[in-house]
Amino acid sequence: MTSPDVLRTGRCFGDGNPVYEQYHDEEWGRPVHEENALYERFALEAFQSGLAWITILRKRPAFRTAFADFDPEVVAAFGDEDVARLMADAGIVRNRAKIEATIANGRALRALHASGRTLDQVLWSHAPDRSAHVRPATWADVPAQTPESRALARELKVLGFRFVGPVTAYAAMQACGVVDDHLSTCPVVRGGVPTADAHRAVS
């Protein structure tokens, strides 16, 4: 078994917490294109606003249950009874504005699909040109928002999406791999990411 000391050294974030480590190693900064998965990432980033991301990760299974695995067609049909149900669900973040925004975003996504477009197309159309990008050395080098995230936030607002400002939009771009902000010292960059089996061995 590989030593935990080897596995839990040098990540951008998450060292020492198996849930956080797995998210860092296997999801963050990796391209996402499937519509339900994109809808989930945007919803979770909105719920994270003002909270620690690990709080959202721990509640992720409950979020998926509460929001029908983030199927926008199902969530778009949620009504007042569903809002009341979600506000009573201790497994998720019980913030009415964020809950109502997630439902509204399901409706916006349904309308987007009806128009013949996808969230995947909208999101990735705002991918920046990083051909000359210098990988950040520290978190101080990672922006909270960018011109591209501001443009994405503006377009999403026009499309009827809520609770997706420039900062949340940039966080979603990071989460969905539109930008890769792993630090230059990170094991993901150096090719030393522990495997899923290694995660299980130390959890």
N, C-alpha and C. Protein backbone atom coordinates (compact mmCIF):
# COMPACT_ATOMS: atom_id res chain seq x y z
N MET A 1 0.85 -1.20 0.00
CA MET A 1 0.00 0.00 0.00
C MET A 1 0.88 1.24 0.00
N THR A 2 0.55 2.18 -0.83
CA THR A 2 1.33 3.41 -0.91
C THR A 2 1.15 4.23 0.36
N SER A 3 2.21 4.85 0.79
CA SER A 3 2.17 5.64 2.02
C SER A 3 1.24 6.84 1.87
N PRO A 4 0.35 7.07 2.86
CA PRO A 4 -0.50 8.28 2.83
C PRO A 4 0.31 9.55 2.75
N ASP A 5 1.54 9.53 3.31
CA ASP A 5 2.37 10.74 3.27
C ASP A 5 2.75 11.09 1.84
N VAL A 6 2.89 10.05 0.99
CA VAL A 6 3.21 10.29 -0.41
C VAL A 6 1.98 10.81 -1.15
N LEU A 7 0.82 10.21 -0.83
CA LEU A 7 -0.40 10.55 -1.55
C LEU A 7 -0.93 11.93 -1.21
N ARG A 8 -0.68 12.39 -0.01
CA ARG A 8 -1.33 13.59 0.47
C ARG A 8 -0.37 14.77 0.56
N THR A 9 0.41 14.94 -0.48
CA THR A 9 1.38 16.02 -0.48
C THR A 9 1.30 16.81 -1.77
N GLY A 10 1.13 18.11 -1.67
CA GLY A 10 1.34 18.97 -2.81
C GLY A 10 0.16 19.27 -3.70
N ARG A 11 -1.05 18.78 -3.38
CA ARG A 11 -2.19 19.13 -4.21
C ARG A 11 -2.51 20.62 -4.10
N CYS A 12 -3.21 21.12 -5.13
CA CYS A 12 -3.69 22.51 -5.07
C CYS A 12 -4.58 22.70 -3.85
N PHE A 13 -5.40 21.70 -3.58
CA PHE A 13 -6.31 21.71 -2.43
C PHE A 13 -6.74 20.28 -2.15
N GLY A 14 -7.24 20.06 -0.96
CA GLY A 14 -7.85 18.78 -0.65
C GLY A 14 -7.00 17.79 0.10
N ASP A 15 -5.70 18.05 0.27
CA ASP A 15 -4.85 17.07 0.95
C ASP A 15 -5.41 16.71 2.32
N GLY A 16 -5.48 15.42 2.59
CA GLY A 16 -5.89 14.95 3.91
C GLY A 16 -7.36 14.60 4.04
N ASN A 17 -8.18 14.94 3.04
CA ASN A 17 -9.60 14.61 3.07
C ASN A 17 -9.91 13.78 1.83
N PRO A 18 -10.24 12.50 1.98
CA PRO A 18 -10.44 11.63 0.82
C PRO A 18 -11.49 12.14 -0.17
N VAL A 19 -12.57 12.74 0.33
CA VAL A 19 -13.61 13.26 -0.57
C VAL A 19 -13.06 14.41 -1.39
N TYR A 20 -12.36 15.30 -0.73
CA TYR A 20 -11.78 16.46 -1.38
C TYR A 20 -10.67 16.04 -2.35
N GLU A 21 -9.83 15.10 -1.90
CA GLU A 21 -8.74 14.61 -2.75
C GLU A 21 -9.27 14.02 -4.04
N GLN A 22 -10.33 13.20 -3.93
CA GLN A 22 -10.87 12.56 -5.12
C GLN A 22 -11.45 13.59 -6.09
N TYR A 23 -12.13 14.58 -5.55
CA TYR A 23 -12.67 15.64 -6.41
C TYR A 23 -11.53 16.36 -7.13
N HIS A 24 -10.49 16.71 -6.39
CA HIS A 24 -9.34 17.40 -6.98
C HIS A 24 -8.68 16.56 -8.07
N ASP A 25 -8.45 15.29 -7.78
CA ASP A 25 -7.69 14.43 -8.68
C ASP A 25 -8.47 13.99 -9.91
N GLU A 26 -9.78 13.77 -9.75
CA GLU A 26 -10.55 13.12 -10.80
C GLU A 26 -11.56 14.01 -11.51
N GLU A 27 -11.84 15.20 -10.96
CA GLU A 27 -12.87 16.03 -11.57
C GLU A 27 -12.41 17.46 -11.89
N TRP A 28 -11.87 18.15 -10.91
CA TRP A 28 -11.62 19.58 -11.07
C TRP A 28 -10.64 19.84 -12.21
N GLY A 29 -11.04 20.69 -13.15
CA GLY A 29 -10.18 21.02 -14.27
C GLY A 29 -10.26 20.05 -15.42
N ARG A 30 -11.11 19.01 -15.31
CA ARG A 30 -11.25 18.05 -16.40
C ARG A 30 -12.50 18.36 -17.21
N PRO A 31 -12.42 18.27 -18.53
CA PRO A 31 -13.54 18.68 -19.39
C PRO A 31 -14.84 17.92 -19.11
N VAL A 32 -15.92 18.68 -19.02
CA VAL A 32 -17.27 18.14 -18.85
C VAL A 32 -18.12 18.67 -20.00
N HIS A 33 -18.90 17.77 -20.62
CA HIS A 33 -19.74 18.17 -21.75
C HIS A 33 -21.19 17.71 -21.62
N GLU A 34 -21.46 16.73 -20.78
CA GLU A 34 -22.82 16.18 -20.68
C GLU A 34 -23.74 17.19 -19.99
N GLU A 35 -24.94 17.38 -20.51
CA GLU A 35 -25.82 18.45 -20.06
C GLU A 35 -26.20 18.37 -18.59
N ASN A 36 -26.63 17.19 -18.11
CA ASN A 36 -27.00 17.07 -16.70
C ASN A 36 -25.81 17.35 -15.80
N ALA A 37 -24.63 16.88 -16.20
CA ALA A 37 -23.42 17.11 -15.40
C ALA A 37 -23.08 18.59 -15.36
N LEU A 38 -23.23 19.29 -16.47
CA LEU A 38 -22.97 20.72 -16.49
C LEU A 38 -23.97 21.47 -15.61
N TYR A 39 -25.23 21.09 -15.73
CA TYR A 39 -26.28 21.69 -14.89
C TYR A 39 -25.96 21.49 -13.42
N GLU A 40 -25.51 20.29 -13.06
CA GLU A 40 -25.15 20.02 -11.67
C GLU A 40 -23.99 20.92 -11.22
N ARG A 41 -22.95 21.04 -12.06
CA ARG A 41 -21.79 21.84 -11.66
C ARG A 41 -22.20 23.29 -11.42
N PHE A 42 -23.01 23.87 -12.31
CA PHE A 42 -23.45 25.24 -12.13
C PHE A 42 -24.30 25.38 -10.87
N ALA A 43 -25.18 24.42 -10.62
CA ALA A 43 -26.02 24.47 -9.43
C ALA A 43 -25.18 24.40 -8.16
N LEU A 44 -24.24 23.48 -8.12
CA LEU A 44 -23.42 23.32 -6.91
C LEU A 44 -22.54 24.54 -6.69
N GLU A 45 -22.02 25.12 -7.75
CA GLU A 45 -21.21 26.33 -7.59
C GLU A 45 -22.05 27.47 -7.02
N ALA A 46 -23.31 27.55 -7.45
CA ALA A 46 -24.19 28.59 -6.90
C ALA A 46 -24.48 28.33 -5.42
N PHE A 47 -24.73 27.07 -5.07
CA PHE A 47 -24.97 26.74 -3.66
C PHE A 47 -23.74 26.99 -2.81
N GLN A 48 -22.55 26.87 -3.41
CA GLN A 48 -21.32 27.05 -2.65
C GLN A 48 -21.08 28.49 -2.24
N SER A 49 -21.67 29.43 -2.96
CA SER A 49 -21.41 30.84 -2.69
C SER A 49 -21.56 31.16 -1.21
N GLY A 50 -20.47 31.63 -0.59
CA GLY A 50 -20.48 31.97 0.82
C GLY A 50 -20.16 30.81 1.74
N LEU A 51 -19.95 29.62 1.18
CA LEU A 51 -19.68 28.42 1.98
C LEU A 51 -18.37 27.78 1.54
N ALA A 52 -17.88 26.84 2.36
CA ALA A 52 -16.69 26.08 1.98
C ALA A 52 -17.09 25.01 0.96
N TRP A 53 -16.26 24.80 -0.06
CA TRP A 53 -16.58 23.84 -1.10
C TRP A 53 -16.70 22.43 -0.54
N ILE A 54 -15.93 22.09 0.47
CA ILE A 54 -16.02 20.74 1.05
C ILE A 54 -17.41 20.50 1.63
N THR A 55 -18.07 21.55 2.11
CA THR A 55 -19.44 21.41 2.60
C THR A 55 -20.35 20.93 1.48
N ILE A 56 -20.19 21.49 0.28
CA ILE A 56 -21.00 21.10 -0.86
C ILE A 56 -20.67 19.68 -1.29
N LEU A 57 -19.39 19.34 -1.32
CA LEU A 57 -19.00 17.98 -1.72
C LEU A 57 -19.60 16.94 -0.79
N ARG A 58 -19.59 17.21 0.50
CA ARG A 58 -20.17 16.24 1.45
C ARG A 58 -21.67 16.08 1.26
N LYS A 59 -22.32 17.14 0.82
CA LYS A 59 -23.76 17.10 0.62
C LYS A 59 -24.15 16.71 -0.81
N ARG A 60 -23.18 16.47 -1.65
CA ARG A 60 -23.47 16.21 -3.06
C ARG A 60 -24.44 15.05 -3.29
N PRO A 61 -24.29 13.90 -2.62
CA PRO A 61 -25.26 12.83 -2.83
C PRO A 61 -26.69 13.26 -2.47
N ALA A 62 -26.83 14.04 -1.41
CA ALA A 62 -28.16 14.52 -1.02
C ALA A 62 -28.70 15.51 -2.04
N PHE A 63 -27.83 16.36 -2.58
CA PHE A 63 -28.25 17.28 -3.63
C PHE A 63 -28.78 16.51 -4.84
N ARG A 64 -28.06 15.46 -5.22
CA ARG A 64 -28.48 14.68 -6.38
C ARG A 64 -29.84 14.03 -6.16
N THR A 65 -30.05 13.52 -4.96
CA THR A 65 -31.35 12.94 -4.66
C THR A 65 -32.44 14.01 -4.66
N ALA A 66 -32.16 15.13 -4.04
CA ALA A 66 -33.16 16.20 -3.91
C ALA A 66 -33.54 16.80 -5.26
N PHE A 67 -32.58 16.87 -6.18
CA PHE A 67 -32.82 17.51 -7.47
C PHE A 67 -32.85 16.50 -8.63
N ALA A 68 -33.33 15.29 -8.35
CA ALA A 68 -33.59 14.30 -9.40
C ALA A 68 -32.37 14.07 -10.29
N ASP A 69 -31.20 13.90 -9.65
CA ASP A 69 -29.95 13.71 -10.39
C ASP A 69 -29.69 14.84 -11.39
N PHE A 70 -30.21 16.01 -11.05
CA PHE A 70 -30.02 17.21 -11.87
C PHE A 70 -30.47 16.99 -13.32
N ASP A 71 -31.61 16.34 -13.44
CA ASP A 71 -32.27 16.23 -14.73
C ASP A 71 -33.07 17.52 -14.93
N PRO A 72 -32.66 18.39 -15.87
CA PRO A 72 -33.33 19.69 -15.98
C PRO A 72 -34.81 19.58 -16.34
N GLU A 73 -35.19 18.55 -17.07
CA GLU A 73 -36.59 18.39 -17.44
C GLU A 73 -37.45 18.14 -16.20
N VAL A 74 -36.91 17.37 -15.27
CA VAL A 74 -37.64 17.07 -14.03
C VAL A 74 -37.65 18.29 -13.12
N VAL A 75 -36.49 18.90 -12.93
CA VAL A 75 -36.39 20.05 -12.02
C VAL A 75 -37.20 21.23 -12.54
N ALA A 76 -37.26 21.38 -13.85
CA ALA A 76 -38.03 22.48 -14.43
C ALA A 76 -39.50 22.42 -14.05
N ALA A 77 -39.97 21.23 -13.74
CA ALA A 77 -41.38 21.05 -13.39
C ALA A 77 -41.64 21.19 -11.89
N PHE A 78 -40.59 21.46 -11.10
CA PHE A 78 -40.77 21.63 -9.66
C PHE A 78 -41.67 22.84 -9.40
N GLY A 79 -42.51 22.71 -8.36
CA GLY A 79 -43.39 23.80 -7.97
C GLY A 79 -43.22 24.18 -6.51
N ASP A 80 -44.21 24.85 -5.97
CA ASP A 80 -44.14 25.34 -4.60
C ASP A 80 -43.97 24.21 -3.59
N GLU A 81 -44.62 23.08 -3.83
CA GLU A 81 -44.49 21.95 -2.90
C GLU A 81 -43.06 21.42 -2.89
N ASP A 82 -42.42 21.43 -4.04
CA ASP A 82 -41.03 20.98 -4.11
C ASP A 82 -40.10 21.96 -3.40
N VAL A 83 -40.37 23.25 -3.53
CA VAL A 83 -39.56 24.24 -2.81
C VAL A 83 -39.69 24.02 -1.31
N ALA A 84 -40.91 23.76 -0.85
CA ALA A 84 -41.12 23.50 0.58
C ALA A 84 -40.39 22.23 1.01
N ARG A 85 -40.45 21.20 0.16
CA ARG A 85 -39.74 19.95 0.45
C ARG A 85 -38.24 20.18 0.55
N LEU A 86 -37.69 20.94 -0.37
CA LEU A 86 -36.26 21.21 -0.37
C LEU A 86 -35.84 22.08 0.81
N MET A 87 -36.69 23.02 1.18
CA MET A 87 -36.38 23.86 2.34
C MET A 87 -36.38 23.06 3.64
N ALA A 88 -37.05 21.91 3.63
CA ALA A 88 -37.10 21.06 4.83
C ALA A 88 -36.04 19.95 4.80
N ASP A 89 -35.26 19.90 3.73
CA ASP A 89 -34.28 18.83 3.56
C ASP A 89 -32.95 19.24 4.19
N ALA A 90 -32.65 18.66 5.35
CA ALA A 90 -31.42 19.00 6.07
C ALA A 90 -30.16 18.50 5.36
N GLY A 91 -30.34 17.64 4.37
CA GLY A 91 -29.19 17.09 3.67
C GLY A 91 -28.56 18.05 2.69
N ILE A 92 -29.29 19.12 2.31
CA ILE A 92 -28.77 20.08 1.36
C ILE A 92 -28.61 21.44 2.03
N VAL A 93 -28.20 22.42 1.26
CA VAL A 93 -28.13 23.80 1.77
C VAL A 93 -29.52 24.41 1.61
N ARG A 94 -30.14 24.75 2.71
CA ARG A 94 -31.53 25.23 2.67
C ARG A 94 -31.57 26.75 2.53
N ASN A 95 -31.27 27.18 1.33
CA ASN A 95 -31.29 28.60 1.00
C ASN A 95 -32.34 28.80 -0.09
N ARG A 96 -33.41 29.50 0.24
CA ARG A 96 -34.54 29.61 -0.70
C ARG A 96 -34.13 30.23 -2.03
N ALA A 97 -33.32 31.28 -1.97
CA ALA A 97 -32.93 31.95 -3.21
C ALA A 97 -32.15 31.01 -4.12
N LYS A 98 -31.26 30.21 -3.53
CA LYS A 98 -30.46 29.28 -4.33
C LYS A 98 -31.31 28.12 -4.84
N ILE A 99 -32.23 27.65 -4.03
CA ILE A 99 -33.14 26.58 -4.46
C ILE A 99 -34.00 27.07 -5.63
N GLU A 100 -34.57 28.23 -5.48
CA GLU A 100 -35.43 28.76 -6.54
C GLU A 100 -34.63 29.07 -7.80
N ALA A 101 -33.37 29.49 -7.64
CA ALA A 101 -32.51 29.74 -8.79
C ALA A 101 -32.20 28.44 -9.52
N THR A 102 -31.98 27.37 -8.79
CA THR A 102 -31.69 26.08 -9.42
C THR A 102 -32.88 25.59 -10.23
N ILE A 103 -34.08 25.79 -9.69
CA ILE A 103 -35.29 25.42 -10.44
C ILE A 103 -35.44 26.31 -11.67
N ALA A 104 -35.24 27.61 -11.50
CA ALA A 104 -35.32 28.54 -12.63
C ALA A 104 -34.29 28.19 -13.70
N ASN A 105 -33.12 27.75 -13.27
CA ASN A 105 -32.08 27.39 -14.23
C ASN A 105 -32.43 26.11 -14.97
N GLY A 106 -33.15 25.20 -14.30
CA GLY A 106 -33.64 24.02 -15.01
C GLY A 106 -34.61 24.42 -16.11
N ARG A 107 -35.45 25.39 -15.83
CA ARG A 107 -36.40 25.89 -16.84
C ARG A 107 -35.67 26.61 -17.97
N ALA A 108 -34.64 27.38 -17.60
CA ALA A 108 -33.85 28.08 -18.61
C ALA A 108 -33.13 27.08 -19.51
N LEU A 109 -32.63 26.01 -18.91
CA LEU A 109 -31.94 24.99 -19.70
C LEU A 109 -32.92 24.26 -20.61
N ARG A 110 -34.11 23.97 -20.12
CA ARG A 110 -35.14 23.34 -20.95
C ARG A 110 -35.47 24.24 -22.14
N ALA A 111 -35.59 25.54 -21.90
CA ALA A 111 -35.87 26.48 -22.98
C ALA A 111 -34.70 26.55 -23.96
N LEU A 112 -33.49 26.49 -23.45
CA LEU A 112 -32.30 26.50 -24.30
C LEU A 112 -32.31 25.29 -25.23
N HIS A 113 -32.63 24.12 -24.67
CA HIS A 113 -32.71 22.91 -25.49
C HIS A 113 -33.80 23.02 -26.54
N ALA A 114 -34.93 23.61 -26.15
CA ALA A 114 -36.05 23.76 -27.09
C ALA A 114 -35.67 24.68 -28.26
N SER A 115 -34.73 25.58 -28.02
CA SER A 115 -34.28 26.49 -29.08
C SER A 115 -33.22 25.85 -29.98
N GLY A 116 -32.82 24.62 -29.64
CA GLY A 116 -31.84 23.92 -30.45
C GLY A 116 -30.40 24.09 -30.01
N ARG A 117 -30.21 24.70 -28.84
CA ARG A 117 -28.86 24.91 -28.32
C ARG A 117 -28.65 24.09 -27.06
N THR A 118 -27.41 24.03 -26.61
CA THR A 118 -27.09 23.29 -25.39
C THR A 118 -26.26 24.17 -24.46
N LEU A 119 -26.26 23.81 -23.18
CA LEU A 119 -25.41 24.50 -22.21
C LEU A 119 -23.94 24.24 -22.54
N ASP A 120 -23.66 23.07 -23.05
CA ASP A 120 -22.30 22.74 -23.46
C ASP A 120 -21.80 23.74 -24.51
N GLN A 121 -22.63 24.04 -25.50
CA GLN A 121 -22.24 25.00 -26.54
C GLN A 121 -22.03 26.40 -25.95
N VAL A 122 -22.94 26.82 -25.08
CA VAL A 122 -22.83 28.15 -24.48
C VAL A 122 -21.56 28.26 -23.65
N LEU A 123 -21.35 27.28 -22.77
CA LEU A 123 -20.18 27.32 -21.88
C LEU A 123 -18.88 27.32 -22.66
N TRP A 124 -18.72 26.36 -23.56
CA TRP A 124 -17.43 26.20 -24.23
C TRP A 124 -17.17 27.27 -25.28
N SER A 125 -18.22 28.00 -25.68
CA SER A 125 -17.99 29.11 -26.60
C SER A 125 -17.22 30.24 -25.92
N HIS A 126 -17.14 30.19 -24.59
CA HIS A 126 -16.43 31.22 -23.83
C HIS A 126 -15.07 30.73 -23.33
N ALA A 127 -14.61 29.62 -23.86
CA ALA A 127 -13.29 29.12 -23.48
C ALA A 127 -12.22 30.11 -23.94
N PRO A 128 -11.32 30.50 -23.06
CA PRO A 128 -10.28 31.47 -23.45
C PRO A 128 -9.18 30.82 -24.28
N ASP A 129 -8.48 31.64 -25.02
CA ASP A 129 -7.28 31.19 -25.71
C ASP A 129 -6.15 31.15 -24.70
N ARG A 130 -5.70 29.94 -24.39
CA ARG A 130 -4.63 29.80 -23.40
C ARG A 130 -3.35 29.29 -24.02
N SER A 131 -3.18 29.55 -25.30
CA SER A 131 -1.98 29.06 -25.99
C SER A 131 -0.70 29.63 -25.38
N ALA A 132 -0.79 30.83 -24.80
CA ALA A 132 0.39 31.44 -24.17
C ALA A 132 0.23 31.50 -22.65
N HIS A 133 -0.69 30.69 -22.12
CA HIS A 133 -0.98 30.74 -20.68
C HIS A 133 0.18 30.20 -19.86
N VAL A 134 0.50 30.91 -18.79
CA VAL A 134 1.52 30.45 -17.84
C VAL A 134 0.78 29.88 -16.64
N ARG A 135 1.04 28.62 -16.34
CA ARG A 135 0.33 27.96 -15.23
C ARG A 135 0.62 28.68 -13.91
N PRO A 136 -0.40 28.91 -13.09
CA PRO A 136 -0.19 29.64 -11.84
C PRO A 136 0.74 28.90 -10.88
N ALA A 137 1.54 29.67 -10.18
CA ALA A 137 2.46 29.08 -9.20
C ALA A 137 1.82 29.03 -7.81
N THR A 138 0.95 30.00 -7.52
CA THR A 138 0.27 30.06 -6.23
C THR A 138 -1.18 30.48 -6.48
N TRP A 139 -2.01 30.36 -5.44
CA TRP A 139 -3.41 30.75 -5.58
C TRP A 139 -3.55 32.25 -5.82
N ALA A 140 -2.55 33.03 -5.43
CA ALA A 140 -2.59 34.46 -5.69
C ALA A 140 -2.57 34.76 -7.19
N ASP A 141 -2.10 33.79 -8.00
CA ASP A 141 -2.02 33.96 -9.44
C ASP A 141 -3.30 33.51 -10.16
N VAL A 142 -4.25 32.96 -9.41
CA VAL A 142 -5.49 32.46 -10.01
C VAL A 142 -6.57 33.54 -9.88
N PRO A 143 -7.15 33.99 -10.98
CA PRO A 143 -8.16 35.05 -10.90
C PRO A 143 -9.47 34.55 -10.32
N ALA A 144 -10.25 35.46 -9.76
CA ALA A 144 -11.59 35.13 -9.28
C ALA A 144 -12.60 35.23 -10.41
N GLN A 145 -12.30 36.06 -11.40
CA GLN A 145 -13.14 36.20 -12.58
C GLN A 145 -12.27 36.70 -13.72
N THR A 146 -12.78 36.54 -14.94
CA THR A 146 -12.03 36.91 -16.13
C THR A 146 -12.98 37.57 -17.13
N PRO A 147 -12.46 38.19 -18.18
CA PRO A 147 -13.34 38.73 -19.21
C PRO A 147 -14.28 37.66 -19.78
N GLU A 148 -13.74 36.44 -19.92
CA GLU A 148 -14.56 35.35 -20.46
C GLU A 148 -15.68 34.96 -19.50
N SER A 149 -15.39 34.93 -18.20
CA SER A 149 -16.43 34.56 -17.23
C SER A 149 -17.47 35.67 -17.13
N ARG A 150 -17.07 36.91 -17.31
CA ARG A 150 -18.04 38.00 -17.30
C ARG A 150 -18.96 37.91 -18.53
N ALA A 151 -18.37 37.56 -19.67
CA ALA A 151 -19.18 37.40 -20.88
C ALA A 151 -20.12 36.20 -20.74
N LEU A 152 -19.64 35.12 -20.16
CA LEU A 152 -20.49 33.95 -19.94
C LEU A 152 -21.64 34.28 -19.01
N ALA A 153 -21.34 34.99 -17.92
CA ALA A 153 -22.39 35.38 -16.97
C ALA A 153 -23.45 36.25 -17.64
N ARG A 154 -23.01 37.16 -18.49
CA ARG A 154 -23.96 38.02 -19.20
C ARG A 154 -24.86 37.20 -20.12
N GLU A 155 -24.27 36.25 -20.84
CA GLU A 155 -25.09 35.45 -21.76
C GLU A 155 -26.06 34.57 -20.99
N LEU A 156 -25.61 33.97 -19.91
CA LEU A 156 -26.50 33.12 -19.12
C LEU A 156 -27.66 33.93 -18.55
N LYS A 157 -27.38 35.15 -18.12
CA LYS A 157 -28.45 36.00 -17.60
C LYS A 157 -29.49 36.28 -18.68
N VAL A 158 -29.03 36.58 -19.89
CA VAL A 158 -29.95 36.83 -21.01
C VAL A 158 -30.79 35.59 -21.28
N LEU A 159 -30.21 34.41 -21.09
CA LEU A 159 -30.91 33.16 -21.35
C LEU A 159 -31.84 32.75 -20.20
N GLY A 160 -31.86 33.55 -19.13
CA GLY A 160 -32.77 33.28 -18.03
C GLY A 160 -32.17 32.56 -16.84
N PHE A 161 -30.87 32.35 -16.86
CA PHE A 161 -30.21 31.69 -15.73
C PHE A 161 -30.01 32.69 -14.60
N ARG A 162 -30.08 32.18 -13.38
CA ARG A 162 -29.95 33.02 -12.20
C ARG A 162 -28.83 32.52 -11.30
N PHE A 163 -28.34 33.43 -10.45
CA PHE A 163 -27.30 33.10 -9.46
C PHE A 163 -26.01 32.64 -10.14
N VAL A 164 -25.73 33.18 -11.32
CA VAL A 164 -24.50 32.84 -12.02
C VAL A 164 -23.80 34.14 -12.42
N GLY A 165 -23.16 34.78 -11.42
CA GLY A 165 -22.38 35.97 -11.70
C GLY A 165 -21.01 35.61 -12.23
N PRO A 166 -20.17 36.60 -12.52
CA PRO A 166 -18.85 36.33 -13.10
C PRO A 166 -17.95 35.43 -12.26
N VAL A 167 -18.04 35.55 -10.91
CA VAL A 167 -17.20 34.71 -10.05
C VAL A 167 -17.70 33.27 -10.07
N THR A 168 -19.01 33.09 -9.94
CA THR A 168 -19.58 31.74 -10.00
C THR A 168 -19.35 31.14 -11.38
N ALA A 169 -19.47 31.95 -12.42
CA ALA A 169 -19.24 31.47 -13.77
C ALA A 169 -17.80 30.98 -13.93
N TYR A 170 -16.84 31.73 -13.35
CA TYR A 170 -15.45 31.30 -13.48
C TYR A 170 -15.21 30.01 -12.69
N ALA A 171 -15.81 29.91 -11.51
CA ALA A 171 -15.68 28.67 -10.73
C ALA A 171 -16.23 27.49 -11.51
N ALA A 172 -17.34 27.70 -12.22
CA ALA A 172 -17.91 26.63 -13.04
C ALA A 172 -16.98 26.30 -14.21
N MET A 173 -16.36 27.31 -14.79
CA MET A 173 -15.40 27.07 -15.87
C MET A 173 -14.23 26.23 -15.38
N GLN A 174 -13.78 26.48 -14.16
CA GLN A 174 -12.72 25.66 -13.58
C GLN A 174 -13.20 24.24 -13.32
N ALA A 175 -14.41 24.13 -12.76
CA ALA A 175 -14.95 22.82 -12.40
C ALA A 175 -15.21 21.95 -13.62
N CYS A 176 -15.51 22.60 -14.76
CA CYS A 176 -15.87 21.87 -15.98
C CYS A 176 -14.71 21.75 -16.96
N GLY A 177 -13.53 22.20 -16.57
CA GLY A 177 -12.36 22.04 -17.40
C GLY A 177 -12.25 23.00 -18.55
N VAL A 178 -13.09 24.04 -18.58
CA VAL A 178 -12.96 25.06 -19.62
C VAL A 178 -11.63 25.80 -19.43
N VAL A 179 -11.23 25.93 -18.17
CA VAL A 179 -9.89 26.40 -17.83
C VAL A 179 -9.28 25.41 -16.86
N ASP A 180 -7.98 25.26 -16.92
CA ASP A 180 -7.26 24.37 -16.01
C ASP A 180 -6.34 25.22 -15.15
N ASP A 181 -6.73 25.39 -13.89
CA ASP A 181 -5.95 26.24 -12.99
C ASP A 181 -5.19 25.44 -11.94
N HIS A 182 -4.92 24.17 -12.20
CA HIS A 182 -4.04 23.44 -11.29
C HIS A 182 -2.70 24.15 -11.22
N LEU A 183 -2.18 24.29 -10.02
CA LEU A 183 -0.92 25.00 -9.84
C LEU A 183 0.24 24.23 -10.48
N SER A 184 1.30 24.94 -10.79
CA SER A 184 2.44 24.33 -11.48
C SER A 184 3.11 23.24 -10.65
N THR A 185 2.93 23.29 -9.33
CA THR A 185 3.54 22.29 -8.46
C THR A 185 2.63 21.11 -8.18
N CYS A 186 1.41 21.13 -8.72
CA CYS A 186 0.41 20.12 -8.39
C CYS A 186 0.75 18.75 -8.98
N PRO A 187 0.47 17.66 -8.28
CA PRO A 187 0.70 16.32 -8.82
C PRO A 187 -0.06 16.06 -10.13
N VAL A 188 -1.22 16.71 -10.33
CA VAL A 188 -1.95 16.55 -11.58
C VAL A 188 -1.09 17.01 -12.75
N VAL A 189 -0.37 18.09 -12.55
CA VAL A 189 0.51 18.63 -13.59
C VAL A 189 1.75 17.76 -13.76
N ARG A 190 2.27 17.28 -12.65
CA ARG A 190 3.51 16.49 -12.69
C ARG A 190 3.26 15.03 -13.05
N GLY A 191 1.97 14.63 -13.14
CA GLY A 191 1.66 13.26 -13.51
C GLY A 191 1.74 12.29 -12.35
N GLY A 192 1.68 12.81 -11.12
CA GLY A 192 1.79 11.94 -9.96
C GLY A 192 0.49 11.79 -9.19
N VAL A 193 -0.65 11.89 -9.90
CA VAL A 193 -1.94 11.80 -9.22
C VAL A 193 -2.18 10.38 -8.76
N PRO A 194 -2.58 10.17 -7.50
CA PRO A 194 -2.90 8.82 -7.03
C PRO A 194 -4.11 8.26 -7.75
N THR A 195 -4.16 6.96 -7.91
CA THR A 195 -5.27 6.31 -8.59
C THR A 195 -6.46 6.17 -7.67
N ALA A 196 -7.60 5.78 -8.26
CA ALA A 196 -8.82 5.56 -7.45
C ALA A 196 -8.57 4.46 -6.44
N ASP A 197 -7.81 3.41 -6.84
CA ASP A 197 -7.51 2.34 -5.90
C ASP A 197 -6.69 2.86 -4.73
N ALA A 198 -5.78 3.78 -5.00
CA ALA A 198 -4.97 4.36 -3.92
C ALA A 198 -5.84 5.18 -2.99
N HIS A 199 -6.82 5.90 -3.55
CA HIS A 199 -7.76 6.66 -2.71
C HIS A 199 -8.47 5.71 -1.74
N ARG A 200 -8.92 4.57 -2.26
CA ARG A 200 -9.65 3.64 -1.40
C ARG A 200 -8.73 3.05 -0.35
N ALA A 201 -7.45 2.88 -0.72
CA ALA A 201 -6.51 2.25 0.22
C ALA A 201 -6.26 3.11 1.44
N VAL A 202 -6.35 4.46 1.28
CA VAL A 202 -6.02 5.33 2.39
C VAL A 202 -7.26 5.91 3.04
N SER A 203 -8.46 5.64 2.50
CA SER A 203 -9.67 6.23 3.04
C SER A 203 -10.16 5.43 4.23
